């Protein structure tokens, strides 16, 4: 999972933080010297509790009559959080506040699908 995290940092300067929670193991890293970031303690609880709950609720709603769930974006005050289910868990990618949300999620997810077949 560290390879995925480092790849995203190297490929997208807009990525501030990445967490991968897969098969009960949480791996997360933050880019150095980021202003307005949250603490590692709250990040851990977000990945273990909040994001899985949000994904479950949105997936279940999406499966009723919306064609499923592709991904979620949470707009916090200092940044955006892109969250997507992966096999065995989820990936959470923190993005700079100034990113183009119409393009950036698709660019990142296409990159992950290409570089890591079977991740989703």
PDB file of N, CA and C in Angstrom:
ATOM      1  N   UNK A   1       0.813  -1.195   0.000  1.00  0.00           N
ATOM      2  CA  UNK A   1       0.000   0.000   0.000  1.00  0.00           C
ATOM      3  C   UNK A   1       0.859   1.263   0.000  1.00  0.00           C
ATOM      4  N   UNK A   2       2.049   1.172   0.594  1.00  0.00           N
ATOM      5  CA  UNK A   2       2.940   2.332   0.565  1.00  0.00           C
ATOM      6  C   UNK A   2       3.314   2.713  -0.859  1.00  0.00           C
ATOM      7  N   UNK A   3       3.425   1.718  -1.731  1.00  0.00           N
ATOM      8  CA  UNK A   3       3.744   2.000  -3.142  1.00  0.00           C
ATOM      9  C   UNK A   3       2.658   2.854  -3.780  1.00  0.00           C
ATOM     10  N   UNK A   4       1.403   2.535  -3.507  1.00  0.00           N
ATOM     11  CA  UNK A   4       0.284   3.322  -4.039  1.00  0.00           C
ATOM     12  C   UNK A   4       0.352   4.751  -3.503  1.00  0.00           C
ATOM     13  N   UNK A   5       0.594   4.887  -2.213  1.00  0.00           N
ATOM     14  CA  UNK A   5       0.646   6.208  -1.587  1.00  0.00           C
ATOM     15  C   UNK A   5       1.763   7.046  -2.200  1.00  0.00           C
ATOM     16  N   UNK A   6       2.958   6.483  -2.284  1.00  0.00           N
ATOM     17  CA  UNK A   6       4.091   7.222  -2.851  1.00  0.00           C
ATOM     18  C   UNK A   6       3.866   7.541  -4.330  1.00  0.00           C
ATOM     19  N   UNK A   7       3.237   6.627  -5.049  1.00  0.00           N
ATOM     20  CA  UNK A   7       2.917   6.865  -6.460  1.00  0.00           C
ATOM     21  C   UNK A   7       1.982   8.068  -6.602  1.00  0.00           C
ATOM     22  N   UNK A   8       0.954   8.141  -5.765  1.00  0.00           N
ATOM     23  CA  UNK A   8       0.019   9.264  -5.846  1.00  0.00           C
ATOM     24  C   UNK A   8       0.704  10.587  -5.502  1.00  0.00           C
ATOM     25  N   UNK A   9       1.571  10.582  -4.502  1.00  0.00           N
ATOM     26  CA  UNK A   9       2.326  11.799  -4.180  1.00  0.00           C
ATOM     27  C   UNK A   9       3.206  12.221  -5.350  1.00  0.00           C
ATOM     28  N   UNK A  10       3.840  11.254  -5.992  1.00  0.00           N
ATOM     29  CA  UNK A  10       4.721  11.563  -7.112  1.00  0.00           C
ATOM     30  C   UNK A  10       3.996  11.972  -8.378  1.00  0.00           C
ATOM     31  N   UNK A  11       2.793  11.482  -8.558  1.00  0.00           N
ATOM     32  CA  UNK A  11       2.044  11.724  -9.794  1.00  0.00           C
ATOM     33  C   UNK A  11       1.134  12.948  -9.739  1.00  0.00           C
ATOM     34  N   UNK A  12       0.718  13.350  -8.547  1.00  0.00           N
ATOM     35  CA  UNK A  12      -0.251  14.440  -8.407  1.00  0.00           C
ATOM     36  C   UNK A  12       0.190  15.383  -7.286  1.00  0.00           C
ATOM     37  N   UNK A  13       0.645  16.559  -7.653  1.00  0.00           N
ATOM     38  CA  UNK A  13       1.098  17.532  -6.649  1.00  0.00           C
ATOM     39  C   UNK A  13      -0.058  18.021  -5.775  1.00  0.00           C
ATOM     40  N   UNK A  14      -1.291  17.872  -6.236  1.00  0.00           N
ATOM     41  CA  UNK A  14      -2.477  18.320  -5.493  1.00  0.00           C
ATOM     42  C   UNK A  14      -2.851  17.377  -4.343  1.00  0.00           C
ATOM     43  N   UNK A  15      -2.240  16.208  -4.298  1.00  0.00           N
ATOM     44  CA  UNK A  15      -2.540  15.225  -3.249  1.00  0.00           C
ATOM     45  C   UNK A  15      -1.763  15.590  -1.987  1.00  0.00           C
ATOM     46  N   UNK A  16      -2.499  15.760  -0.890  1.00  0.00           N
ATOM     47  CA  UNK A  16      -1.903  16.155   0.390  1.00  0.00           C
ATOM     48  C   UNK A  16      -1.692  14.968   1.324  1.00  0.00           C
ATOM     49  N   UNK A  17      -2.547  13.961   1.195  1.00  0.00           N
ATOM     50  CA  UNK A  17      -2.587  12.854   2.160  1.00  0.00           C
ATOM     51  C   UNK A  17      -3.246  11.681   1.465  1.00  0.00           C
ATOM     52  N   UNK A  18      -2.803  10.482   1.773  1.00  0.00           N
ATOM     53  CA  UNK A  18      -3.436   9.287   1.232  1.00  0.00           C
ATOM     54  C   UNK A  18      -3.512   8.241   2.342  1.00  0.00           C
ATOM     55  N   UNK A  19      -4.662   7.584   2.425  1.00  0.00           N
ATOM     56  CA  UNK A  19      -4.839   6.457   3.341  1.00  0.00           C
ATOM     57  C   UNK A  19      -5.431   5.300   2.563  1.00  0.00           C
ATOM     58  N   UNK A  20      -4.922   4.114   2.845  1.00  0.00           N
ATOM     59  CA  UNK A  20      -5.480   2.898   2.276  1.00  0.00           C
ATOM     60  C   UNK A  20      -5.825   1.986   3.450  1.00  0.00           C
ATOM     61  N   UNK A  21      -7.091   1.625   3.533  1.00  0.00           N
ATOM     62  CA  UNK A  21      -7.550   0.697   4.562  1.00  0.00           C
ATOM     63  C   UNK A  21      -7.998  -0.556   3.825  1.00  0.00           C
ATOM     64  N   UNK A  22      -7.203  -1.609   3.944  1.00  0.00           N
ATOM     65  CA  UNK A  22      -7.491  -2.839   3.197  1.00  0.00           C
ATOM     66  C   UNK A  22      -7.259  -4.045   4.102  1.00  0.00           C
ATOM     67  N   UNK A  23      -8.245  -4.922   4.109  1.00  0.00           N
ATOM     68  CA  UNK A  23      -8.170  -6.166   4.870  1.00  0.00           C
ATOM     69  C   UNK A  23      -7.782  -5.933   6.327  1.00  0.00           C
ATOM     70  N   UNK A  24      -8.348  -4.871   6.916  1.00  0.00           N
ATOM     71  CA  UNK A  24      -8.126  -4.591   8.325  1.00  0.00           C
ATOM     72  C   UNK A  24      -6.828  -3.879   8.654  1.00  0.00           C
ATOM     73  N   UNK A  25      -6.048  -3.502   7.642  1.00  0.00           N
ATOM     74  CA  UNK A  25      -4.770  -2.820   7.868  1.00  0.00           C
ATOM     75  C   UNK A  25      -4.862  -1.402   7.311  1.00  0.00           C
ATOM     76  N   UNK A  26      -4.554  -0.419   8.161  1.00  0.00           N
ATOM     77  CA  UNK A  26      -4.571   0.982   7.753  1.00  0.00           C
ATOM     78  C   UNK A  26      -3.146   1.467   7.524  1.00  0.00           C
ATOM     79  N   UNK A  27      -2.916   2.024   6.330  1.00  0.00           N
ATOM     80  CA  UNK A  27      -1.638   2.634   5.987  1.00  0.00           C
ATOM     81  C   UNK A  27      -1.937   4.046   5.515  1.00  0.00           C
ATOM     82  N   UNK A  28      -1.296   5.047   6.121  1.00  0.00           N
ATOM     83  CA  UNK A  28      -1.546   6.418   5.685  1.00  0.00           C
ATOM     84  C   UNK A  28      -0.299   7.268   5.837  1.00  0.00           C
ATOM     85  N   UNK A  29      -0.206   8.258   4.957  1.00  0.00           N
ATOM     86  CA  UNK A  29       0.915   9.200   4.948  1.00  0.00           C
ATOM     87  C   UNK A  29       0.398  10.571   4.546  1.00  0.00           C
ATOM     88  N   UNK A  30       1.064  11.589   5.058  1.00  0.00           N
ATOM     89  CA  UNK A  30       0.775  12.970   4.694  1.00  0.00           C
ATOM     90  C   UNK A  30       1.999  13.566   4.038  1.00  0.00           C
ATOM     91  N   UNK A  31       1.777  14.376   3.020  1.00  0.00           N
ATOM     92  CA  UNK A  31       2.879  15.097   2.391  1.00  0.00           C
ATOM     93  C   UNK A  31       3.473  16.049   3.435  1.00  0.00           C
ATOM     94  N   UNK A  32       4.763  16.242   3.395  1.00  0.00           N
ATOM     95  CA  UNK A  32       5.435  17.108   4.364  1.00  0.00           C
ATOM     96  C   UNK A  32       5.004  18.566   4.224  1.00  0.00           C
ATOM     97  N   UNK A  33       5.003  19.273   5.345  1.00  0.00           N
ATOM     98  CA  UNK A  33       4.776  20.715   5.412  1.00  0.00           C
ATOM     99  C   UNK A  33       3.483  21.156   4.720  1.00  0.00           C
ATOM    100  N   UNK A  34       2.375  20.604   5.167  1.00  0.00           N
ATOM    101  CA  UNK A  34       1.062  20.962   4.626  1.00  0.00           C
ATOM    102  C   UNK A  34       0.328  21.841   5.645  1.00  0.00           C
ATOM    103  N   UNK A  35      -0.056  23.024   5.221  1.00  0.00           N
ATOM    104  CA  UNK A  35      -0.808  23.930   6.099  1.00  0.00           C
ATOM    105  C   UNK A  35      -2.260  23.494   6.166  1.00  0.00           C
ATOM    106  N   UNK A  36      -2.876  23.686   7.321  1.00  0.00           N
ATOM    107  CA  UNK A  36      -4.299  23.397   7.470  1.00  0.00           C
ATOM    108  C   UNK A  36      -4.626  21.917   7.486  1.00  0.00           C
ATOM    109  N   UNK A  37      -3.665  21.087   7.878  1.00  0.00           N
ATOM    110  CA  UNK A  37      -3.936  19.647   7.895  1.00  0.00           C
ATOM    111  C   UNK A  37      -4.491  19.230   9.251  1.00  0.00           C
ATOM    112  N   UNK A  38      -5.096  18.070   9.283  1.00  0.00           N
ATOM    113  CA  UNK A  38      -5.636  17.535  10.529  1.00  0.00           C
ATOM    114  C   UNK A  38      -4.569  16.696  11.213  1.00  0.00           C
ATOM    115  N   UNK A  39      -4.833  16.303  12.457  1.00  0.00           N
ATOM    116  CA  UNK A  39      -3.836  15.527  13.206  1.00  0.00           C
ATOM    117  C   UNK A  39      -3.885  14.056  12.811  1.00  0.00           C
ATOM    118  N   UNK A  40      -2.783  13.377  13.043  1.00  0.00           N
ATOM    119  CA  UNK A  40      -2.704  11.945  12.723  1.00  0.00           C
ATOM    120  C   UNK A  40      -3.715  11.145  13.531  1.00  0.00           C
ATOM    121  N   UNK A  41      -3.974  11.551  14.770  1.00  0.00           N
ATOM    122  CA  UNK A  41      -4.953  10.836  15.597  1.00  0.00           C
ATOM    123  C   UNK A  41      -6.347  10.920  15.009  1.00  0.00           C
ATOM    124  N   UNK A  42      -6.766  12.115  14.589  1.00  0.00           N
ATOM    125  CA  UNK A  42      -8.106  12.231  14.013  1.00  0.00           C
ATOM    126  C   UNK A  42      -8.168  11.577  12.641  1.00  0.00           C
ATOM    127  N   UNK A  43      -7.068  11.622  11.883  1.00  0.00           N
ATOM    128  CA  UNK A  43      -7.030  10.931  10.590  1.00  0.00           C
ATOM    129  C   UNK A  43      -7.267   9.437  10.775  1.00  0.00           C
ATOM    130  N   UNK A  44      -6.653   8.860  11.769  1.00  0.00           N
ATOM    131  CA  UNK A  44      -6.799   7.424  12.038  1.00  0.00           C
ATOM    132  C   UNK A  44      -8.266   7.070  12.306  1.00  0.00           C
ATOM    133  N   UNK A  45      -8.917   7.842  13.163  1.00  0.00           N
ATOM    134  CA  UNK A  45     -10.328   7.565  13.466  1.00  0.00           C
ATOM    135  C   UNK A  45     -11.224   7.823  12.265  1.00  0.00           C
ATOM    136  N   UNK A  46     -10.881   8.815  11.462  1.00  0.00           N
ATOM    137  CA  UNK A  46     -11.650   9.067  10.241  1.00  0.00           C
ATOM    138  C   UNK A  46     -11.612   7.847   9.328  1.00  0.00           C
ATOM    139  N   UNK A  47     -10.426   7.264   9.170  1.00  0.00           N
ATOM    140  CA  UNK A  47     -10.280   6.117   8.265  1.00  0.00           C
ATOM    141  C   UNK A  47     -10.871   4.831   8.830  1.00  0.00           C
ATOM    142  N   UNK A  48     -10.836   4.667  10.134  1.00  0.00           N
ATOM    143  CA  UNK A  48     -11.354   3.445  10.757  1.00  0.00           C
ATOM    144  C   UNK A  48     -12.857   3.489  11.018  1.00  0.00           C
ATOM    145  N   UNK A  49     -13.409   4.668  11.238  1.00  0.00           N
ATOM    146  CA  UNK A  49     -14.825   4.784  11.616  1.00  0.00           C
ATOM    147  C   UNK A  49     -15.670   5.590  10.633  1.00  0.00           C
ATOM    148  N   UNK A  50     -15.276   6.827  10.389  1.00  0.00           N
ATOM    149  CA  UNK A  50     -16.118   7.748   9.629  1.00  0.00           C
ATOM    150  C   UNK A  50     -16.237   7.346   8.164  1.00  0.00           C
ATOM    151  N   UNK A  51     -15.109   7.189   7.476  1.00  0.00           N
ATOM    152  CA  UNK A  51     -15.174   6.897   6.039  1.00  0.00           C
ATOM    153  C   UNK A  51     -15.841   5.566   5.724  1.00  0.00           C
ATOM    154  N   UNK A  52     -15.572   4.479   6.475  1.00  0.00           N
ATOM    155  CA  UNK A  52     -16.321   3.246   6.199  1.00  0.00           C
ATOM    156  C   UNK A  52     -17.831   3.418   6.396  1.00  0.00           C
ATOM    157  N   UNK A  53     -18.232   4.180   7.420  1.00  0.00           N
ATOM    158  CA  UNK A  53     -19.666   4.401   7.647  1.00  0.00           C
ATOM    159  C   UNK A  53     -20.281   5.218   6.515  1.00  0.00           C
ATOM    160  N   UNK A  54     -19.603   6.296   6.097  1.00  0.00           N
ATOM    161  CA  UNK A  54     -20.114   7.108   4.987  1.00  0.00           C
ATOM    162  C   UNK A  54     -20.239   6.287   3.712  1.00  0.00           C
ATOM    163  N   UNK A  55     -19.230   5.493   3.431  1.00  0.00           N
ATOM    164  CA  UNK A  55     -19.272   4.659   2.218  1.00  0.00           C
ATOM    165  C   UNK A  55     -20.407   3.648   2.270  1.00  0.00           C
ATOM    166  N   UNK A  56     -20.611   3.039   3.422  1.00  0.00           N
ATOM    167  CA  UNK A  56     -21.704   2.068   3.556  1.00  0.00           C
ATOM    168  C   UNK A  56     -23.057   2.731   3.309  1.00  0.00           C
ATOM    169  N   UNK A  57     -23.279   3.873   3.935  1.00  0.00           N
ATOM    170  CA  UNK A  57     -24.556   4.585   3.753  1.00  0.00           C
ATOM    171  C   UNK A  57     -24.759   4.997   2.299  1.00  0.00           C
ATOM    172  N   UNK A  58     -23.747   5.591   1.697  1.00  0.00           N
ATOM    173  CA  UNK A  58     -23.875   6.064   0.314  1.00  0.00           C
ATOM    174  C   UNK A  58     -24.015   4.891  -0.661  1.00  0.00           C
ATOM    175  N   UNK A  59     -23.277   3.795  -0.433  1.00  0.00           N
ATOM    176  CA  UNK A  59     -23.388   2.624  -1.311  1.00  0.00           C
ATOM    177  C   UNK A  59     -24.782   2.031  -1.238  1.00  0.00           C
ATOM    178  N   UNK A  60     -25.306   1.880  -0.024  1.00  0.00           N
ATOM    179  CA  UNK A  60     -26.636   1.304   0.113  1.00  0.00           C
ATOM    180  C   UNK A  60     -27.687   2.189  -0.535  1.00  0.00           C
ATOM    181  N   UNK A  61     -27.561   3.497  -0.375  1.00  0.00           N
ATOM    182  CA  UNK A  61     -28.503   4.403  -1.042  1.00  0.00           C
ATOM    183  C   UNK A  61     -28.332   4.322  -2.547  1.00  0.00           C
ATOM    184  N   UNK A  62     -27.112   4.330  -3.010  1.00  0.00           N
ATOM    185  CA  UNK A  62     -26.844   4.273  -4.441  1.00  0.00           C
ATOM    186  C   UNK A  62     -27.359   3.005  -5.084  1.00  0.00           C
ATOM    187  N   UNK A  63     -27.342   1.916  -4.352  1.00  0.00           N
ATOM    188  CA  UNK A  63     -27.790   0.634  -4.898  1.00  0.00           C
ATOM    189  C   UNK A  63     -29.310   0.530  -5.007  1.00  0.00           C
ATOM    190  N   UNK A  64     -30.030   1.393  -4.310  1.00  0.00           N
ATOM    191  CA  UNK A  64     -31.492   1.331  -4.377  1.00  0.00           C
ATOM    192  C   UNK A  64     -31.978   1.701  -5.774  1.00  0.00           C
ATOM    193  N   UNK A  65     -31.586   2.879  -6.257  1.00  0.00           N
ATOM    194  CA  UNK A  65     -32.072   3.277  -7.580  1.00  0.00           C
ATOM    195  C   UNK A  65     -31.199   4.351  -8.243  1.00  0.00           C
ATOM    196  N   UNK A  66     -29.934   4.413  -7.826  1.00  0.00           N
ATOM    197  CA  UNK A  66     -29.032   5.436  -8.377  1.00  0.00           C
ATOM    198  C   UNK A  66     -27.911   4.843  -9.232  1.00  0.00           C
ATOM    199  N   UNK A  67     -27.915   3.549  -9.433  1.00  0.00           N
ATOM    200  CA  UNK A  67     -26.865   2.933 -10.233  1.00  0.00           C
ATOM    201  C   UNK A  67     -25.573   2.672  -9.481  1.00  0.00           C
ATOM    202  N   UNK A  68     -25.646   2.630  -8.152  1.00  0.00           N
ATOM    203  CA  UNK A  68     -24.471   2.322  -7.343  1.00  0.00           C
ATOM    204  C   UNK A  68     -23.730   3.573  -6.896  1.00  0.00           C
ATOM    205  N   UNK A  69     -22.544   3.360  -6.348  1.00  0.00           N
ATOM    206  CA  UNK A  69     -21.691   4.442  -5.858  1.00  0.00           C
ATOM    207  C   UNK A  69     -20.343   4.345  -6.552  1.00  0.00           C
ATOM    208  N   UNK A  70     -19.923   5.430  -7.200  1.00  0.00           N
ATOM    209  CA  UNK A  70     -18.595   5.465  -7.829  1.00  0.00           C
ATOM    210  C   UNK A  70     -17.533   5.921  -6.835  1.00  0.00           C
ATOM    211  N   UNK A  71     -17.768   7.057  -6.192  1.00  0.00           N
ATOM    212  CA  UNK A  71     -16.862   7.608  -5.188  1.00  0.00           C
ATOM    213  C   UNK A  71     -17.596   8.698  -4.431  1.00  0.00           C
ATOM    214  N   UNK A  72     -16.969   9.205  -3.373  1.00  0.00           N
ATOM    215  CA  UNK A  72     -17.532  10.313  -2.595  1.00  0.00           C
ATOM    216  C   UNK A  72     -16.485  11.409  -2.475  1.00  0.00           C
ATOM    217  N   UNK A  73     -16.949  12.646  -2.362  1.00  0.00           N
ATOM    218  CA  UNK A  73     -16.076  13.766  -2.040  1.00  0.00           C
ATOM    219  C   UNK A  73     -16.677  14.482  -0.839  1.00  0.00           C
ATOM    220  N   UNK A  74     -15.863  14.649   0.197  1.00  0.00           N
ATOM    221  CA  UNK A  74     -16.261  15.415   1.366  1.00  0.00           C
ATOM    222  C   UNK A  74     -15.512  16.735   1.290  1.00  0.00           C
ATOM    223  N   UNK A  75     -16.247  17.833   1.374  1.00  0.00           N
ATOM    224  CA  UNK A  75     -15.649  19.164   1.297  1.00  0.00           C
ATOM    225  C   UNK A  75     -15.472  19.711   2.710  1.00  0.00           C
ATOM    226  N   UNK A  76     -14.276  19.515   3.253  1.00  0.00           N
ATOM    227  CA  UNK A  76     -13.949  20.110   4.545  1.00  0.00           C
ATOM    228  C   UNK A  76     -13.537  21.555   4.311  1.00  0.00           C
ATOM    229  N   UNK A  77     -13.348  22.320   5.355  1.00  0.00           N
ATOM    230  CA  UNK A  77     -12.987  23.724   5.222  1.00  0.00           C
ATOM    231  C   UNK A  77     -11.624  23.960   4.590  1.00  0.00           C
ATOM    232  N   UNK A  78     -10.648  23.100   4.891  1.00  0.00           N
ATOM    233  CA  UNK A  78      -9.277  23.302   4.411  1.00  0.00           C
ATOM    234  C   UNK A  78      -8.890  22.440   3.222  1.00  0.00           C
ATOM    235  N   UNK A  79      -9.695  21.449   2.874  1.00  0.00           N
ATOM    236  CA  UNK A  79      -9.326  20.514   1.814  1.00  0.00           C
ATOM    237  C   UNK A  79     -10.540  19.682   1.409  1.00  0.00           C
ATOM    238  N   UNK A  80     -10.368  18.917   0.334  1.00  0.00           N
ATOM    239  CA  UNK A  80     -11.373  17.947  -0.107  1.00  0.00           C
ATOM    240  C   UNK A  80     -10.852  16.549   0.178  1.00  0.00           C
ATOM    241  N   UNK A  81     -11.759  15.630   0.464  1.00  0.00           N
ATOM    242  CA  UNK A  81     -11.406  14.238   0.688  1.00  0.00           C
ATOM    243  C   UNK A  81     -12.133  13.385  -0.347  1.00  0.00           C
ATOM    244  N   UNK A  82     -11.367  12.728  -1.215  1.00  0.00           N
ATOM    245  CA  UNK A  82     -11.895  11.802  -2.216  1.00  0.00           C
ATOM    246  C   UNK A  82     -11.841  10.407  -1.606  1.00  0.00           C
ATOM    247  N   UNK A  83     -12.980   9.738  -1.537  1.00  0.00           N
ATOM    248  CA  UNK A  83     -13.058   8.428  -0.884  1.00  0.00           C
ATOM    249  C   UNK A  83     -13.699   7.442  -1.847  1.00  0.00           C
ATOM    250  N   UNK A  84     -13.048   6.279  -2.000  1.00  0.00           N
ATOM    251  CA  UNK A  84     -13.567   5.252  -2.906  1.00  0.00           C
ATOM    252  C   UNK A  84     -13.341   3.883  -2.292  1.00  0.00           C
ATOM    253  N   UNK A  85     -14.336   3.020  -2.463  1.00  0.00           N
ATOM    254  CA  UNK A  85     -14.172   1.643  -2.010  1.00  0.00           C
ATOM    255  C   UNK A  85     -13.160   0.930  -2.899  1.00  0.00           C
ATOM    256  N   UNK A  86     -12.351   0.084  -2.278  1.00  0.00           N
ATOM    257  CA  UNK A  86     -11.437  -0.803  -2.997  1.00  0.00           C
ATOM    258  C   UNK A  86     -11.737  -2.216  -2.524  1.00  0.00           C
ATOM    259  N   UNK A  87     -11.141  -3.188  -3.166  1.00  0.00           N
ATOM    260  CA  UNK A  87     -11.326  -4.564  -2.718  1.00  0.00           C
ATOM    261  C   UNK A  87     -10.781  -4.702  -1.301  1.00  0.00           C
ATOM    262  N   UNK A  88     -11.650  -5.056  -0.375  1.00  0.00           N
ATOM    263  CA  UNK A  88     -11.246  -5.253   1.010  1.00  0.00           C
ATOM    264  C   UNK A  88     -11.203  -4.005   1.858  1.00  0.00           C
ATOM    265  N   UNK A  89     -11.675  -2.847   1.328  1.00  0.00           N
ATOM    266  CA  UNK A  89     -11.640  -1.640   2.146  1.00  0.00           C
ATOM    267  C   UNK A  89     -11.911  -0.381   1.356  1.00  0.00           C
ATOM    268  N   UNK A  90     -11.084   0.652   1.590  1.00  0.00           N
ATOM    269  CA  UNK A  90     -11.266   1.924   0.877  1.00  0.00           C
ATOM    270  C   UNK A  90      -9.929   2.656   0.748  1.00  0.00           C
ATOM    271  N   UNK A  91      -9.912   3.606  -0.180  1.00  0.00           N
ATOM    272  CA  UNK A  91      -8.796   4.532  -0.320  1.00  0.00           C
ATOM    273  C   UNK A  91      -9.348   5.932  -0.101  1.00  0.00           C
ATOM    274  N   UNK A  92      -8.576   6.746   0.606  1.00  0.00           N
ATOM    275  CA  UNK A  92      -8.978   8.097   0.950  1.00  0.00           C
ATOM    276  C   UNK A  92      -7.848   9.032   0.534  1.00  0.00           C
ATOM    277  N   UNK A  93      -8.169  10.007  -0.303  1.00  0.00           N
ATOM    278  CA  UNK A  93      -7.154  10.880  -0.886  1.00  0.00           C
ATOM    279  C   UNK A  93      -7.534  12.327  -0.594  1.00  0.00           C
ATOM    280  N   UNK A  94      -6.694  13.004   0.158  1.00  0.00           N
ATOM    281  CA  UNK A  94      -6.929  14.402   0.507  1.00  0.00           C
ATOM    282  C   UNK A  94      -6.355  15.287  -0.588  1.00  0.00           C
ATOM    283  N   UNK A  95      -7.169  16.217  -1.072  1.00  0.00           N
ATOM    284  CA  UNK A  95      -6.794  17.089  -2.180  1.00  0.00           C
ATOM    285  C   UNK A  95      -6.780  18.552  -1.752  1.00  0.00           C
ATOM    286  N   UNK A  96      -5.876  19.327  -2.357  1.00  0.00           N
ATOM    287  CA  UNK A  96      -5.842  20.769  -2.121  1.00  0.00           C
ATOM    288  C   UNK A  96      -7.206  21.377  -2.399  1.00  0.00           C
ATOM    289  N   UNK A  97      -7.515  22.422  -1.673  1.00  0.00           N
ATOM    290  CA  UNK A  97      -8.806  23.095  -1.788  1.00  0.00           C
ATOM    291  C   UNK A  97      -9.044  23.695  -3.174  1.00  0.00           C
ATOM    292  N   UNK A  98      -7.985  24.042  -3.886  1.00  0.00           N
ATOM    293  CA  UNK A  98      -8.130  24.694  -5.179  1.00  0.00           C
ATOM    294  C   UNK A  98      -8.222  23.774  -6.379  1.00  0.00           C
ATOM    295  N   UNK A  99      -8.330  22.457  -6.176  1.00  0.00           N
ATOM    296  CA  UNK A  99      -8.370  21.535  -7.320  1.00  0.00           C
ATOM    297  C   UNK A  99      -9.675  21.662  -8.095  1.00  0.00           C
ATOM    298  N   UNK A 100      -9.631  21.254  -9.331  1.00  0.00           N
ATOM    299  CA  UNK A 100     -10.824  21.213 -10.181  1.00  0.00           C
ATOM    300  C   UNK A 100     -11.531  19.887  -9.924  1.00  0.00           C
ATOM    301  N   UNK A 101     -12.604  19.932  -9.165  1.00  0.00           N
ATOM    302  CA  UNK A 101     -13.325  18.703  -8.811  1.00  0.00           C
ATOM    303  C   UNK A 101     -14.035  18.067  -9.995  1.00  0.00           C
ATOM    304  N   UNK A 102     -14.185  18.793 -11.088  1.00  0.00           N
ATOM    305  CA  UNK A 102     -14.798  18.213 -12.285  1.00  0.00           C
ATOM    306  C   UNK A 102     -13.821  17.283 -12.996  1.00  0.00           C
ATOM    307  N   UNK A 103     -12.519  17.465 -12.783  1.00  0.00           N
ATOM    308  CA  UNK A 103     -11.513  16.681 -13.508  1.00  0.00           C
ATOM    309  C   UNK A 103     -10.634  15.803 -12.619  1.00  0.00           C
ATOM    310  N   UNK A 104     -10.224  16.324 -11.475  1.00  0.00           N
ATOM    311  CA  UNK A 104      -9.208  15.647 -10.667  1.00  0.00           C
ATOM    312  C   UNK A 104      -9.606  14.248 -10.199  1.00  0.00           C
ATOM    313  N   UNK A 105     -10.811  14.022  -9.663  1.00  0.00           N
ATOM    314  CA  UNK A 105     -11.139  12.654  -9.248  1.00  0.00           C
ATOM    315  C   UNK A 105     -11.009  11.643 -10.389  1.00  0.00           C
ATOM    316  N   UNK A 106     -11.480  11.987 -11.568  1.00  0.00           N
ATOM    317  CA  UNK A 106     -11.387  11.063 -12.710  1.00  0.00           C
ATOM    318  C   UNK A 106      -9.928  10.802 -13.078  1.00  0.00           C
ATOM    319  N   UNK A 107      -9.096  11.833 -13.055  1.00  0.00           N
ATOM    320  CA  UNK A 107      -7.671  11.646 -13.363  1.00  0.00           C
ATOM    321  C   UNK A 107      -7.011  10.685 -12.381  1.00  0.00           C
ATOM    322  N   UNK A 108      -7.272  10.887 -11.106  1.00  0.00           N
ATOM    323  CA  UNK A 108      -6.670  10.036 -10.074  1.00  0.00           C
ATOM    324  C   UNK A 108      -7.188   8.606 -10.177  1.00  0.00           C
ATOM    325  N   UNK A 109      -8.498   8.448 -10.306  1.00  0.00           N
ATOM    326  CA  UNK A 109      -9.066   7.093 -10.345  1.00  0.00           C
ATOM    327  C   UNK A 109      -8.666   6.347 -11.613  1.00  0.00           C
ATOM    328  N   UNK A 110      -8.573   7.039 -12.731  1.00  0.00           N
ATOM    329  CA  UNK A 110      -8.090   6.403 -13.965  1.00  0.00           C
ATOM    330  C   UNK A 110      -6.644   5.956 -13.793  1.00  0.00           C
ATOM    331  N   UNK A 111      -5.836   6.785 -13.175  1.00  0.00           N
ATOM    332  CA  UNK A 111      -4.439   6.429 -12.900  1.00  0.00           C
ATOM    333  C   UNK A 111      -4.371   5.166 -12.037  1.00  0.00           C
ATOM    334  N   UNK A 112      -5.151   5.124 -10.966  1.00  0.00           N
ATOM    335  CA  UNK A 112      -5.140   3.955 -10.089  1.00  0.00           C
ATOM    336  C   UNK A 112      -5.618   2.701 -10.807  1.00  0.00           C
ATOM    337  N   UNK A 113      -6.662   2.821 -11.623  1.00  0.00           N
ATOM    338  CA  UNK A 113      -7.160   1.656 -12.367  1.00  0.00           C
ATOM    339  C   UNK A 113      -6.105   1.130 -13.337  1.00  0.00           C
ATOM    340  N   UNK A 114      -5.365   2.046 -13.961  1.00  0.00           N
ATOM    341  CA  UNK A 114      -4.346   1.665 -14.935  1.00  0.00           C
ATOM    342  C   UNK A 114      -3.129   1.026 -14.263  1.00  0.00           C
ATOM    343  N   UNK A 115      -2.670   1.658 -13.194  1.00  0.00           N
ATOM    344  CA  UNK A 115      -1.440   1.214 -12.528  1.00  0.00           C
ATOM    345  C   UNK A 115      -1.643   0.036 -11.578  1.00  0.00           C
ATOM    346  N   UNK A 116      -2.851  -0.107 -11.044  1.00  0.00           N
ATOM    347  CA  UNK A 116      -3.123  -1.135 -10.049  1.00  0.00           C
ATOM    348  C   UNK A 116      -4.391  -1.908 -10.397  1.00  0.00           C
ATOM    349  N   UNK A 117      -4.346  -2.701 -11.471  1.00  0.00           N
ATOM    350  CA  UNK A 117      -5.522  -3.476 -11.869  1.00  0.00           C
ATOM    351  C   UNK A 117      -5.987  -4.367 -10.708  1.00  0.00           C
ATOM    352  N   UNK A 118      -7.281  -4.428 -10.519  1.00  0.00           N
ATOM    353  CA  UNK A 118      -7.837  -5.245  -9.450  1.00  0.00           C
ATOM    354  C   UNK A 118      -7.960  -4.521  -8.117  1.00  0.00           C
ATOM    355  N   UNK A 119      -7.499  -3.264  -8.041  1.00  0.00           N
ATOM    356  CA  UNK A 119      -7.622  -2.512  -6.796  1.00  0.00           C
ATOM    357  C   UNK A 119      -9.088  -2.263  -6.460  1.00  0.00           C
ATOM    358  N   UNK A 120      -9.896  -1.958  -7.482  1.00  0.00           N
ATOM    359  CA  UNK A 120     -11.317  -1.647  -7.264  1.00  0.00           C
ATOM    360  C   UNK A 120     -12.178  -2.869  -7.532  1.00  0.00           C
TER     361      UNK A 120
END
